[in-house]
Amino acid sequence: MTKNIDQQSWQPVERLRYDQALAELEKIIQDLEVEELSLEDALALFERGQLLVGRCNALLEQAEVKVQSLSGGQVADLELPE
């Protein structure tokens, strides 16, 4: 059975907090991998996912600018152990 996507329930992307956008993106990925979707629904989810990725990136960039501003530009890059 094909699952129907309820686009009417989607909030405008620009109103989502980072955690909300990321949770919705994770759900979309799961739906695209698992659910039987019509081509139209799959494309709608893909498009929504792209918007959510853009929103997450924008919010992360804003956070980075704020951290650099608060630290006087003295933020060191994080080096992870290998």
C-alpha atoms as a PDB file:
ATOM      1  CA  MET A   1       0.000   0.000   0.000  1.00  0.00           C
ATOM      2  CA  THR A   2       1.304   3.443  -0.917  1.00  0.00           C
ATOM      3  CA  LYS A   3       1.650   5.962   1.883  1.00  0.00           C
ATOM      4  CA  ASN A   4       0.198   9.443   1.292  1.00  0.00           C
ATOM      5  CA  ILE A   5       2.158  12.523   2.358  1.00  0.00           C
ATOM      6  CA  ASP A   6       0.242  15.275   4.187  1.00  0.00           C
ATOM      7  CA  GLN A   7       1.988  18.426   2.970  1.00  0.00           C
ATOM      8  CA  GLN A   8      -0.685  20.599   4.618  1.00  0.00           C
ATOM      9  CA  SER A   9       0.750  19.750   8.040  1.00  0.00           C
ATOM     10  CA  TRP A  10       4.219  21.048   7.150  1.00  0.00           C
ATOM     11  CA  GLN A  11       5.244  24.223   8.963  1.00  0.00           C
ATOM     12  CA  PRO A  12       7.064  26.890   6.971  1.00  0.00           C
ATOM     13  CA  VAL A  13      10.750  25.935   7.036  1.00  0.00           C
ATOM     14  CA  GLU A  14      11.853  29.435   8.077  1.00  0.00           C
ATOM     15  CA  ARG A  15       9.877  29.085  11.332  1.00  0.00           C
ATOM     16  CA  LEU A  16      11.558  25.851  12.428  1.00  0.00           C
ATOM     17  CA  ARG A  17      14.236  25.677  15.102  1.00  0.00           C
ATOM     18  CA  TYR A  18      17.332  23.627  14.326  1.00  0.00           C
ATOM     19  CA  ASP A  19      16.187  20.610  16.339  1.00  0.00           C
ATOM     20  CA  GLN A  20      12.767  20.638  14.667  1.00  0.00           C
ATOM     21  CA  ALA A  21      14.231  20.877  11.169  1.00  0.00           C
ATOM     22  CA  LEU A  22      16.733  18.103  11.871  1.00  0.00           C
ATOM     23  CA  ALA A  23      14.064  15.787  13.330  1.00  0.00           C
ATOM     24  CA  GLU A  24      11.820  16.338  10.309  1.00  0.00           C
ATOM     25  CA  LEU A  25      14.753  15.742   7.962  1.00  0.00           C
ATOM     26  CA  GLU A  26      15.558  12.457   9.726  1.00  0.00           C
ATOM     27  CA  LYS A  27      11.904  11.381   9.367  1.00  0.00           C
ATOM     28  CA  ILE A  28      11.936  12.250   5.661  1.00  0.00           C
ATOM     29  CA  ILE A  29      15.086  10.183   5.128  1.00  0.00           C
ATOM     30  CA  GLN A  30      13.471   7.250   6.905  1.00  0.00           C
ATOM     31  CA  ASP A  31      10.284   7.588   4.847  1.00  0.00           C
ATOM     32  CA  LEU A  32      12.225   7.753   1.582  1.00  0.00           C
ATOM     33  CA  GLU A  33      14.192   4.629   2.516  1.00  0.00           C
ATOM     34  CA  VAL A  34      11.345   2.527   3.922  1.00  0.00           C
ATOM     35  CA  GLU A  35       7.942   3.666   2.685  1.00  0.00           C
ATOM     36  CA  GLU A  36       6.264   2.871  -0.597  1.00  0.00           C
ATOM     37  CA  LEU A  37       5.702   6.326  -2.042  1.00  0.00           C
ATOM     38  CA  SER A  38       4.308   7.597  -5.271  1.00  0.00           C
ATOM     39  CA  LEU A  39       6.780   9.455  -7.454  1.00  0.00           C
ATOM     40  CA  GLU A  40       5.019  12.735  -6.656  1.00  0.00           C
ATOM     41  CA  ASP A  41       5.221  12.149  -2.890  1.00  0.00           C
ATOM     42  CA  ALA A  42       8.856  11.061  -3.088  1.00  0.00           C
ATOM     43  CA  LEU A  43       9.719  14.221  -5.022  1.00  0.00           C
ATOM     44  CA  ALA A  44       7.787  16.374  -2.526  1.00  0.00           C
ATOM     45  CA  LEU A  45       9.709  14.802   0.352  1.00  0.00           C
ATOM     46  CA  PHE A  46      13.006  15.259  -1.473  1.00  0.00           C
ATOM     47  CA  GLU A  47      12.226  18.927  -2.094  1.00  0.00           C
ATOM     48  CA  ARG A  48      11.195  19.437   1.535  1.00  0.00           C
ATOM     49  CA  GLY A  49      14.396  17.710   2.632  1.00  0.00           C
ATOM     50  CA  GLN A  50      16.474  20.091   0.547  1.00  0.00           C
ATOM     51  CA  LEU A  51      14.737  23.060   2.174  1.00  0.00           C
ATOM     52  CA  LEU A  52      15.350  21.576   5.622  1.00  0.00           C
ATOM     53  CA  VAL A  53      19.046  21.041   4.869  1.00  0.00           C
ATOM     54  CA  GLY A  54      19.292  24.687   3.820  1.00  0.00           C
ATOM     55  CA  ARG A  55      17.543  25.785   7.025  1.00  0.00           C
ATOM     56  CA  CYS A  56      19.860  23.685   9.207  1.00  0.00           C
ATOM     57  CA  ASN A  57      22.931  25.050   7.413  1.00  0.00           C
ATOM     58  CA  ALA A  58      21.716  28.639   7.783  1.00  0.00           C
ATOM     59  CA  LEU A  59      21.057  28.185  11.500  1.00  0.00           C
ATOM     60  CA  LEU A  60      24.486  26.596  12.020  1.00  0.00           C
ATOM     61  CA  GLU A  61      26.151  29.481  10.171  1.00  0.00           C
ATOM     62  CA  GLN A  62      24.260  31.987  12.338  1.00  0.00           C
ATOM     63  CA  ALA A  63      25.394  30.152  15.460  1.00  0.00           C
ATOM     64  CA  GLU A  64      28.997  30.131  14.261  1.00  0.00           C
ATOM     65  CA  VAL A  65      28.922  33.895  13.611  1.00  0.00           C
ATOM     66  CA  LYS A  66      27.448  34.501  17.055  1.00  0.00           C
ATOM     67  CA  VAL A  67      30.073  32.321  18.781  1.00  0.00           C
ATOM     68  CA  GLN A  68      32.876  34.090  16.916  1.00  0.00           C
ATOM     69  CA  SER A  69      31.385  37.458  17.820  1.00  0.00           C
ATOM     70  CA  LEU A  70      31.078  36.539  21.491  1.00  0.00           C
ATOM     71  CA  SER A  71      34.605  35.153  21.613  1.00  0.00           C
ATOM     72  CA  GLY A  72      36.174  38.074  19.802  1.00  0.00           C
ATOM     73  CA  GLY A  73      37.002  35.905  16.803  1.00  0.00           C
ATOM     74  CA  GLN A  74      39.290  33.680  18.859  1.00  0.00           C
ATOM     75  CA  VAL A  75      37.568  30.360  18.207  1.00  0.00           C
ATOM     76  CA  ALA A  76      39.994  27.539  17.467  1.00  0.00           C
ATOM     77  CA  ASP A  77      39.120  24.762  15.058  1.00  0.00           C
ATOM     78  CA  LEU A  78      38.211  21.502  16.745  1.00  0.00           C
ATOM     79  CA  GLU A  79      40.720  18.743  16.082  1.00  0.00           C
ATOM     80  CA  LEU A  80      39.361  15.243  16.529  1.00  0.00           C
ATOM     81  CA  PRO A  81      41.677  12.382  17.501  1.00  0.00           C
ATOM     82  CA  GLU A  82      42.285   9.867  14.747  1.00  0.00           C
END
